[in-house]
N, C-alpha and C. Protein backbone atom coordinates (compact mmCIF):
# COMPACT_ATOMS: atom_id res chain seq x y z
N MET A 1 62.72 97.87 125.16
CA MET A 1 64.32 98.29 125.03
C MET A 1 63.81 100.01 124.68
N VAL A 2 64.52 100.94 125.58
CA VAL A 2 64.78 102.28 125.09
C VAL A 2 65.71 102.81 124.18
N LEU A 3 65.49 103.40 123.11
CA LEU A 3 66.88 103.37 122.05
C LEU A 3 67.22 104.97 122.14
N ILE A 4 68.37 105.18 122.97
CA ILE A 4 68.87 106.45 123.13
C ILE A 4 69.11 106.88 121.51
N GLU A 5 69.25 108.31 121.80
CA GLU A 5 69.63 109.18 120.47
C GLU A 5 71.17 108.90 120.56
N GLY A 6 71.99 109.20 121.12
CA GLY A 6 73.10 109.09 120.80
C GLY A 6 74.45 108.07 121.12
N PHE A 7 75.32 107.92 121.50
CA PHE A 7 76.46 106.38 121.55
C PHE A 7 76.87 106.91 122.91
N THR A 8 77.04 105.55 123.60
CA THR A 8 77.71 105.63 125.07
C THR A 8 78.89 105.75 124.79
N ARG A 9 79.56 105.95 125.74
CA ARG A 9 81.04 106.05 125.90
C ARG A 9 81.78 105.19 125.44
N SER A 10 81.32 103.66 125.68
CA SER A 10 82.39 102.47 125.18
C SER A 10 81.95 102.41 123.33
N GLU A 11 80.56 102.83 123.21
CA GLU A 11 80.61 102.75 121.90
C GLU A 11 81.28 103.81 120.93
N THR A 12 81.62 105.03 121.62
CA THR A 12 82.23 106.19 121.01
C THR A 12 83.56 105.73 120.86
N LEU A 13 84.08 104.88 122.00
CA LEU A 13 85.50 104.63 121.89
C LEU A 13 85.69 103.56 120.49
N ALA A 14 84.89 102.91 120.31
CA ALA A 14 84.89 101.75 119.18
C ALA A 14 84.67 102.56 117.79
N LEU A 15 83.58 103.68 118.01
CA LEU A 15 83.32 104.21 116.50
C LEU A 15 84.61 104.92 116.09
N THR A 16 85.13 105.85 117.28
CA THR A 16 86.06 106.61 116.73
C THR A 16 87.78 106.05 116.88
N GLU A 17 87.60 104.97 117.16
CA GLU A 17 89.01 104.39 117.61
C GLU A 17 90.11 105.21 118.21
N THR A 18 89.51 105.71 119.47
CA THR A 18 90.50 106.66 120.09
C THR A 18 90.60 106.09 121.70
N THR A 19 91.20 106.61 122.49
CA THR A 19 91.26 106.24 123.89
C THR A 19 90.39 107.11 124.82
N SER A 20 90.34 106.64 126.13
CA SER A 20 89.35 107.15 126.94
C SER A 20 90.02 108.71 127.32
N ASN A 21 91.66 108.56 127.54
CA ASN A 21 92.10 110.11 127.76
C ASN A 21 91.99 111.15 126.76
N ARG A 22 91.80 110.25 125.56
CA ARG A 22 91.67 111.47 124.42
C ARG A 22 90.34 112.14 124.71
N LEU A 23 89.13 111.00 124.86
CA LEU A 23 88.02 111.79 125.22
C LEU A 23 88.04 113.01 126.33
N GLN A 24 88.29 112.47 127.12
CA GLN A 24 88.52 113.67 128.49
C GLN A 24 88.96 114.61 127.98
N TYR A 25 90.27 114.49 127.35
CA TYR A 25 91.06 115.77 126.74
C TYR A 25 90.41 116.39 125.94
N LEU A 26 89.66 116.09 125.09
CA LEU A 26 88.74 116.77 124.20
C LEU A 26 87.43 117.51 125.07
N GLU A 27 87.09 116.69 125.92
CA GLU A 27 85.94 117.35 126.67
C GLU A 27 86.64 118.55 127.51
N MET A 28 87.67 118.19 128.05
CA MET A 28 88.46 119.06 129.12
C MET A 28 88.92 120.71 128.55
N LYS A 29 89.32 120.38 126.97
CA LYS A 29 89.72 121.44 126.12
C LYS A 29 88.18 122.14 125.43
N GLU A 30 87.10 121.43 125.81
CA GLU A 30 86.09 121.85 125.18
C GLU A 30 85.76 122.03 123.77
N LEU A 31 86.59 120.74 122.98
CA LEU A 31 86.39 120.54 121.73
C LEU A 31 85.15 119.91 121.43
N VAL A 32 85.01 118.56 122.41
CA VAL A 32 83.80 117.85 122.21
C VAL A 32 83.23 117.57 123.41
N ILE A 33 81.82 118.00 123.65
CA ILE A 33 81.49 117.97 125.13
C ILE A 33 80.15 117.09 125.07
N PRO A 34 80.36 115.97 125.67
CA PRO A 34 79.25 114.71 125.83
C PRO A 34 78.25 115.26 126.55
N GLN A 35 77.13 114.54 126.26
CA GLN A 35 75.92 115.00 127.53
C GLN A 35 75.99 113.89 128.43
N ARG A 36 75.50 114.25 129.71
CA ARG A 36 75.75 113.31 130.76
C ARG A 36 74.25 113.10 131.19
N ILE A 37 73.89 111.70 131.60
CA ILE A 37 72.08 111.47 132.05
C ILE A 37 72.32 111.01 133.17
N GLY A 38 71.87 111.12 134.23
CA GLY A 38 71.78 110.78 135.54
C GLY A 38 72.43 111.78 136.14
N LYS A 39 72.19 111.52 137.91
CA LYS A 39 72.82 112.48 138.80
C LYS A 39 73.64 111.88 139.69
N SER A 40 73.83 110.71 139.35
CA SER A 40 74.81 109.64 140.24
C SER A 40 76.51 110.21 140.17
N ARG A 41 77.42 109.44 140.81
CA ARG A 41 78.54 109.75 140.58
C ARG A 41 79.39 109.08 139.08
N LYS A 42 78.41 108.25 138.58
CA LYS A 42 78.97 107.86 137.17
C LYS A 42 77.75 108.03 136.41
N PRO A 43 77.41 109.23 135.73
CA PRO A 43 76.39 109.29 134.93
C PRO A 43 76.85 108.43 133.43
N THR A 44 75.61 108.56 132.74
CA THR A 44 75.69 107.68 131.65
C THR A 44 76.28 108.75 130.59
N VAL A 45 77.06 108.87 130.00
CA VAL A 45 77.74 109.93 128.95
C VAL A 45 77.46 109.28 127.72
N ILE A 46 76.72 110.32 126.72
CA ILE A 46 76.25 110.20 125.38
C ILE A 46 76.84 111.01 124.70
N TYR A 47 77.52 110.71 123.64
CA TYR A 47 77.81 111.50 122.39
C TYR A 47 76.95 111.11 121.46
N THR A 48 76.81 112.72 120.39
CA THR A 48 75.87 112.77 119.36
C THR A 48 76.62 112.05 118.09
N TRP A 49 75.79 111.67 117.15
CA TRP A 49 76.65 111.42 116.02
C TRP A 49 77.66 112.73 115.32
N GLU A 50 77.04 113.72 115.38
CA GLU A 50 77.83 114.96 115.00
C GLU A 50 79.32 114.57 115.77
N GLN A 51 79.21 114.47 117.00
CA GLN A 51 80.37 114.55 118.05
C GLN A 51 81.31 113.36 117.49
N ILE A 52 80.52 112.17 116.96
CA ILE A 52 81.53 110.93 116.83
C ILE A 52 82.18 111.50 115.23
N LEU A 53 81.66 111.93 114.56
CA LEU A 53 82.22 112.53 113.15
C LEU A 53 83.34 113.62 113.79
N GLU A 54 82.83 114.44 114.60
CA GLU A 54 83.98 115.42 115.04
C GLU A 54 85.41 114.61 115.66
N ILE A 55 85.31 113.71 116.22
CA ILE A 55 86.34 113.08 117.06
C ILE A 55 87.26 112.53 116.16
N ARG A 56 86.58 111.72 115.20
CA ARG A 56 87.06 111.31 114.02
C ARG A 56 88.16 112.31 113.25
N ALA A 57 87.51 113.63 112.77
CA ALA A 57 88.31 114.51 112.23
C ALA A 57 89.06 114.93 112.90
N ILE A 58 89.02 115.10 114.13
CA ILE A 58 90.26 115.46 114.81
C ILE A 58 91.53 114.39 114.86
N LYS A 59 90.85 113.10 114.86
CA LYS A 59 91.97 112.27 114.87
C LYS A 59 92.73 112.24 113.73
N HIS A 60 91.94 112.64 112.65
CA HIS A 60 92.63 112.42 111.24
C HIS A 60 93.64 113.69 111.02
N LEU A 61 93.01 114.83 111.98
CA LEU A 61 94.14 116.19 111.61
C LEU A 61 95.13 115.93 112.66
N ARG A 62 94.97 114.97 113.74
CA ARG A 62 96.21 114.70 114.69
C ARG A 62 97.20 113.77 113.90
N GLN A 63 96.90 113.34 113.02
CA GLN A 63 98.17 112.56 112.18
C GLN A 63 99.15 113.59 111.41
N GLU A 64 98.54 114.78 111.07
CA GLU A 64 99.47 115.67 110.58
C GLU A 64 100.14 116.85 111.39
N ILE A 65 99.11 117.37 112.52
CA ILE A 65 99.40 118.15 113.10
C ILE A 65 99.06 118.25 114.74
N SER A 66 99.38 119.08 115.35
CA SER A 66 99.21 118.88 117.23
C SER A 66 98.26 119.49 117.44
N LEU A 67 97.48 118.88 118.57
CA LEU A 67 96.35 119.13 119.08
C LEU A 67 96.14 120.52 119.31
N GLN A 68 97.40 121.35 119.63
CA GLN A 68 97.30 122.49 120.04
C GLN A 68 97.07 123.33 118.67
N THR A 69 97.58 122.82 117.67
CA THR A 69 97.14 123.63 116.55
C THR A 69 95.61 123.25 115.92
N VAL A 70 95.22 122.10 116.41
CA VAL A 70 93.96 121.92 116.22
C VAL A 70 92.90 122.72 117.19
N ARG A 71 93.45 123.20 117.94
CA ARG A 71 92.71 123.95 119.49
C ARG A 71 92.69 125.42 118.53
N LYS A 72 93.84 125.92 118.21
CA LYS A 72 93.87 127.14 117.45
C LYS A 72 93.14 127.25 116.39
N ILE A 73 93.03 126.28 115.49
CA ILE A 73 92.06 126.45 114.23
C ILE A 73 90.61 126.47 114.71
N VAL A 74 90.25 125.95 115.69
CA VAL A 74 88.99 126.14 116.31
C VAL A 74 88.57 127.42 116.71
N GLU A 75 89.74 127.95 117.60
CA GLU A 75 89.45 129.14 118.00
C GLU A 75 89.37 130.24 116.96
N PHE A 76 90.32 130.13 116.01
CA PHE A 76 90.35 131.16 114.67
C PHE A 76 88.94 131.01 114.19
N LEU A 77 88.11 130.06 113.67
CA LEU A 77 87.19 129.65 113.43
C LEU A 77 85.94 130.20 114.36
N ASN A 78 86.04 130.13 115.36
CA ASN A 78 84.99 130.68 116.34
C ASN A 78 85.15 132.36 116.23
N LYS A 79 86.28 132.51 116.49
CA LYS A 79 86.52 134.22 116.64
C LYS A 79 86.00 134.89 115.51
N SER A 80 86.21 134.13 114.14
CA SER A 80 85.91 134.62 113.20
C SER A 80 84.73 134.82 112.63
N GLY A 81 83.72 134.39 113.43
CA GLY A 81 82.44 133.88 112.85
C GLY A 81 81.94 132.90 112.27
N PHE A 82 82.79 131.81 111.99
CA PHE A 82 82.70 130.65 111.04
C PHE A 82 82.10 129.63 112.14
N ASP A 83 81.60 128.85 111.35
CA ASP A 83 81.21 127.58 112.07
C ASP A 83 82.58 126.67 112.57
N ASP A 84 82.63 126.31 113.60
CA ASP A 84 84.02 125.85 114.21
C ASP A 84 83.95 124.39 114.24
N ASN A 85 83.16 123.67 113.72
CA ASN A 85 83.09 122.15 113.41
C ASN A 85 84.15 121.72 112.55
N LEU A 86 85.09 120.86 112.70
CA LEU A 86 86.04 120.45 111.79
C LEU A 86 85.27 119.36 110.61
N ARG A 87 84.44 118.72 111.15
CA ARG A 87 84.17 117.45 110.85
C ARG A 87 83.54 117.60 109.13
N ASP A 88 83.21 118.83 108.81
CA ASP A 88 82.50 119.10 107.37
C ASP A 88 83.49 120.04 106.77
N LYS A 89 84.87 120.39 107.30
CA LYS A 89 85.62 121.43 106.21
C LYS A 89 86.63 120.34 105.64
N GLN A 90 87.01 120.95 104.33
CA GLN A 90 87.97 120.53 103.63
C GLN A 90 89.35 120.93 103.91
N LEU A 91 90.24 120.32 104.73
CA LEU A 91 91.10 121.11 105.27
C LEU A 91 92.39 120.03 104.98
N VAL A 92 93.41 120.91 104.31
CA VAL A 92 94.83 120.40 103.75
C VAL A 92 95.75 121.02 104.33
N VAL A 93 96.83 120.14 104.59
CA VAL A 93 97.85 120.17 105.63
C VAL A 93 99.22 120.13 104.72
N ILE A 94 99.82 121.43 104.85
CA ILE A 94 101.14 121.40 103.98
C ILE A 94 102.36 121.96 104.64
N ASP A 95 103.16 121.04 105.09
CA ASP A 95 104.37 121.44 105.79
C ASP A 95 103.76 122.05 107.26
N ASP A 96 103.13 121.50 107.90
CA ASP A 96 102.48 122.26 109.23
C ASP A 96 101.45 123.60 109.33
N GLU A 97 101.58 123.45 107.80
CA GLU A 97 100.38 124.61 107.84
C GLU A 97 99.16 124.14 106.96
N VAL A 98 98.02 124.84 107.85
CA VAL A 98 96.39 124.15 107.79
C VAL A 98 95.73 125.02 106.73
N PHE A 99 95.13 124.76 105.63
CA PHE A 99 94.43 125.50 104.93
C PHE A 99 92.86 124.83 104.67
N TRP A 100 91.95 125.70 104.87
CA TRP A 100 90.47 125.35 104.87
C TRP A 100 89.95 125.80 103.31
N ILE A 101 89.82 124.68 102.41
CA ILE A 101 89.28 124.77 101.07
C ILE A 101 87.69 125.16 101.29
N GLN A 102 87.74 126.39 100.89
CA GLN A 102 85.85 126.45 100.68
C GLN A 102 85.63 126.49 99.40
N GLN A 103 84.39 125.90 98.89
CA GLN A 103 83.78 125.97 97.72
C GLN A 103 82.21 125.98 97.78
N ASP A 104 81.67 126.98 97.41
CA ASP A 104 80.45 127.06 96.86
C ASP A 104 79.91 126.47 95.59
N TRP A 105 79.22 125.36 95.57
CA TRP A 105 79.06 124.47 94.39
C TRP A 105 78.15 125.05 93.63
N GLN A 106 77.34 126.18 93.98
CA GLN A 106 76.28 126.57 93.35
C GLN A 106 77.18 127.93 92.26
N ASP A 107 78.09 128.18 92.62
CA ASP A 107 78.85 129.14 91.36
C ASP A 107 80.21 128.64 90.92
N PHE A 108 80.30 127.31 91.05
CA PHE A 108 81.42 126.58 90.79
C PHE A 108 82.15 126.89 89.10
N SER A 109 81.17 127.03 88.37
CA SER A 109 81.43 127.15 86.79
C SER A 109 82.01 128.84 86.79
N GLU A 110 81.80 129.62 87.94
CA GLU A 110 82.27 131.01 87.85
C GLU A 110 83.33 131.32 88.67
N LYS A 111 83.53 130.45 89.74
CA LYS A 111 84.68 130.79 90.84
C LYS A 111 85.15 129.64 91.15
N MET A 112 86.31 129.82 91.25
CA MET A 112 87.56 128.57 91.81
C MET A 112 87.24 128.39 93.11
N PRO A 113 87.66 127.16 93.86
CA PRO A 113 87.41 127.35 95.26
C PRO A 113 88.43 127.97 95.98
N SER A 114 88.32 128.61 97.10
CA SER A 114 89.27 129.60 97.68
C SER A 114 89.76 128.64 98.94
N ALA A 115 91.01 129.13 99.24
CA ALA A 115 91.44 128.58 100.62
C ALA A 115 92.00 129.27 101.41
N MET A 116 91.48 129.32 102.74
CA MET A 116 91.84 130.14 103.90
C MET A 116 93.12 129.64 104.66
N LYS A 117 94.24 129.84 104.97
CA LYS A 117 95.05 129.71 105.93
C LYS A 117 94.33 129.79 107.61
N VAL A 118 94.18 128.72 108.05
CA VAL A 118 93.42 128.58 109.42
C VAL A 118 94.24 128.50 110.83
N GLY A 119 95.69 127.78 110.22
CA GLY A 119 96.32 127.24 111.38
C GLY A 119 97.95 126.92 110.91
N GLY A 120 98.60 126.70 111.62
CA GLY A 120 100.10 126.37 111.66
C GLY A 120 100.95 126.53 112.80
N ARG A 121 102.12 126.30 112.16
CA ARG A 121 103.39 126.04 113.56
C ARG A 121 103.51 127.51 114.00
N SER A 122 103.04 128.54 113.11
CA SER A 122 103.27 130.06 113.70
C SER A 122 101.70 130.46 113.21
N ASP A 123 101.47 131.53 113.84
CA ASP A 123 100.20 132.00 113.51
C ASP A 123 100.22 133.42 112.28
N LYS A 124 101.39 133.31 111.86
CA LYS A 124 101.55 134.18 110.81
C LYS A 124 100.87 133.75 109.21
N GLY A 125 99.93 134.81 108.73
CA GLY A 125 99.15 134.74 107.85
C GLY A 125 97.83 134.01 107.91
N VAL A 126 97.56 133.43 109.39
CA VAL A 126 96.17 132.80 109.69
C VAL A 126 95.01 134.14 109.06
N GLY A 127 94.18 133.44 108.29
CA GLY A 127 92.78 134.14 107.90
C GLY A 127 93.12 134.89 106.63
N GLN A 128 94.27 134.57 106.16
CA GLN A 128 94.43 134.94 104.64
C GLN A 128 94.05 134.14 103.69
N TYR A 129 93.56 134.36 102.69
CA TYR A 129 93.18 133.56 101.68
C TYR A 129 94.13 133.15 100.60
N ILE A 130 94.48 132.17 100.13
CA ILE A 130 95.48 131.93 99.21
C ILE A 130 95.25 131.29 97.97
N LEU A 131 95.71 130.94 97.14
CA LEU A 131 95.11 130.05 95.59
C LEU A 131 95.98 128.73 95.99
N LEU A 132 94.99 128.41 95.69
CA LEU A 132 95.85 126.82 95.59
C LEU A 132 95.54 126.51 94.02
N VAL A 133 95.24 116.74 104.65
CA VAL A 133 93.70 116.79 104.56
C VAL A 133 92.98 115.71 105.27
N ILE A 134 92.03 116.63 105.85
CA ILE A 134 91.28 115.81 106.40
C ILE A 134 90.43 115.09 105.40
N PRO A 135 90.11 113.94 105.04
CA PRO A 135 89.63 113.07 104.05
C PRO A 135 88.08 113.70 104.07
N ALA A 136 87.29 113.47 102.93
CA ALA A 136 86.02 113.83 102.65
C ALA A 136 84.91 113.43 103.94
N LEU A 137 83.79 113.91 103.95
CA LEU A 137 83.11 113.49 105.22
C LEU A 137 82.95 112.38 104.78
N THR A 138 82.51 111.76 103.78
CA THR A 138 81.91 110.69 103.24
C THR A 138 83.06 109.53 103.53
N GLU A 139 84.27 109.57 103.50
CA GLU A 139 85.17 108.81 103.78
C GLU A 139 85.20 108.67 105.65
N ILE A 140 85.12 109.56 106.33
CA ILE A 140 84.96 109.55 107.62
C ILE A 140 83.94 108.64 108.07
N VAL A 141 82.41 109.04 107.24
CA VAL A 141 81.52 108.53 107.84
C VAL A 141 81.60 106.88 107.44
N ASN A 142 82.19 106.73 106.26
CA ASN A 142 82.54 105.02 105.98
C ASN A 142 83.32 104.60 107.12
N GLU A 143 84.39 105.20 107.44
CA GLU A 143 85.15 104.44 108.47
C GLU A 143 84.65 104.15 109.91
N ILE A 144 83.47 105.22 110.25
CA ILE A 144 82.95 104.64 111.42
C ILE A 144 81.91 103.52 111.20
N TRP A 145 81.43 103.48 110.02
CA TRP A 145 80.50 102.40 109.95
C TRP A 145 81.25 101.08 109.79
N GLU A 146 82.57 101.15 109.07
CA GLU A 146 83.51 99.83 109.34
C GLU A 146 84.01 99.43 110.68
N ALA A 147 83.96 100.47 111.61
CA ALA A 147 84.44 100.48 113.03
C ALA A 147 83.29 99.97 113.59
N ALA A 148 82.08 100.13 113.43
CA ALA A 148 80.72 99.97 114.08
C ALA A 148 80.43 98.04 113.69
N ARG A 149 80.85 98.05 112.38
CA ARG A 149 80.60 96.82 111.93
C ARG A 149 81.45 95.79 112.05
N THR A 150 82.93 96.10 112.83
CA THR A 150 83.92 94.87 113.30
C THR A 150 83.87 95.01 114.49
N SER A 151 83.30 95.84 115.32
CA SER A 151 83.46 96.10 116.83
C SER A 151 82.58 94.86 117.46
N GLU A 152 83.28 94.57 118.60
CA GLU A 152 82.59 93.48 119.38
C GLU A 152 81.80 94.12 120.58
N VAL A 153 81.86 95.79 120.56
CA VAL A 153 81.01 96.37 121.64
C VAL A 153 79.67 97.26 121.04
N ILE A 154 79.63 97.27 119.84
CA ILE A 154 78.75 97.83 119.02
C ILE A 154 77.48 96.84 118.74
N ASP A 155 76.37 97.18 119.04
CA ASP A 155 75.29 96.58 118.54
C ASP A 155 75.07 96.83 117.06
N PHE A 156 75.32 96.37 116.10
CA PHE A 156 75.37 96.98 114.59
C PHE A 156 73.65 97.10 114.20
N ALA A 157 73.06 96.49 114.70
CA ALA A 157 71.57 96.89 114.38
C ALA A 157 71.15 97.92 114.74
N SER A 158 71.49 97.94 116.21
CA SER A 158 71.14 99.49 116.88
C SER A 158 71.86 100.48 116.29
N PHE A 159 72.94 100.59 115.67
CA PHE A 159 73.93 101.40 115.24
C PHE A 159 73.32 102.03 113.94
N LYS A 160 72.70 100.89 113.07
CA LYS A 160 72.32 101.47 111.99
C LYS A 160 71.37 102.16 112.15
N GLN A 161 70.44 102.12 113.27
CA GLN A 161 69.24 102.63 113.29
C GLN A 161 69.59 104.32 113.96
N ARG A 162 70.50 104.30 114.82
CA ARG A 162 70.79 105.69 115.26
C ARG A 162 71.98 106.30 114.26
N ALA A 163 72.69 105.72 113.45
CA ALA A 163 73.40 106.67 112.91
C ALA A 163 72.85 107.53 111.52
N LYS A 164 73.09 108.71 111.66
CA LYS A 164 72.23 109.67 111.19
C LYS A 164 72.67 109.86 109.39
N VAL A 165 73.91 109.33 109.00
CA VAL A 165 74.35 109.29 107.48
C VAL A 165 74.40 107.54 107.44
N GLN A 166 74.11 107.46 106.23
CA GLN A 166 74.46 105.85 105.86
C GLN A 166 75.58 105.50 104.95
N TYR A 167 76.27 104.41 105.41
CA TYR A 167 77.12 103.89 104.42
C TYR A 167 77.15 104.36 103.31
N THR A 168 78.18 104.98 102.41
CA THR A 168 78.21 105.40 100.84
C THR A 168 79.46 104.26 100.44
N LYS A 169 78.76 103.42 99.36
CA LYS A 169 79.85 102.75 98.50
C LYS A 169 80.50 103.78 97.46
N VAL A 170 82.01 103.67 97.57
CA VAL A 170 82.53 104.81 96.73
C VAL A 170 82.94 103.86 95.57
N ILE A 171 82.48 104.41 94.26
CA ILE A 171 82.97 103.99 93.17
C ILE A 171 84.05 104.26 92.53
N SER A 172 85.14 103.23 92.38
CA SER A 172 86.19 103.66 91.57
C SER A 172 85.97 103.68 89.98
N SER A 173 86.98 105.01 89.52
CA SER A 173 86.72 105.25 88.14
C SER A 173 87.74 104.45 87.11
N PHE A 174 87.94 103.51 87.59
CA PHE A 174 89.28 102.77 86.93
C PHE A 174 88.78 102.31 85.66
């Protein structure tokens, strides 16, 4: 059996807990573009681990803001020379405005985290830093692992070999 690097469309649907229409829309808007293998009318569609994380991150953002605002954020990040991936950004949504919390942990003791407005209902103030959510990447990864574990579509043993990040047990400090 050949082990493919990524995840099939049906596996992606199970891992991201999204719809086929949403995957099509994300591709049409060029937010997440899968690889197609084969030249037939129905090629095999493959999503990378990073794309799975990105779809989940967008899904979390969609609970707070419109997909149009998500697209504007990606466009702003891209035009401003930043990495336009949302999966590894700490984003905070406050009253329909989205702020990216940036932290360089190397100089944490000298410098507080900064926050930049990256989106909102209006484009006013986008790109400005402010003083002060998508959940942390660990939480998104754990959600995908849980979806894989409980899915009837995913071969969990195969998933464990293909997932690039392992499940992280969160220890409560209570």
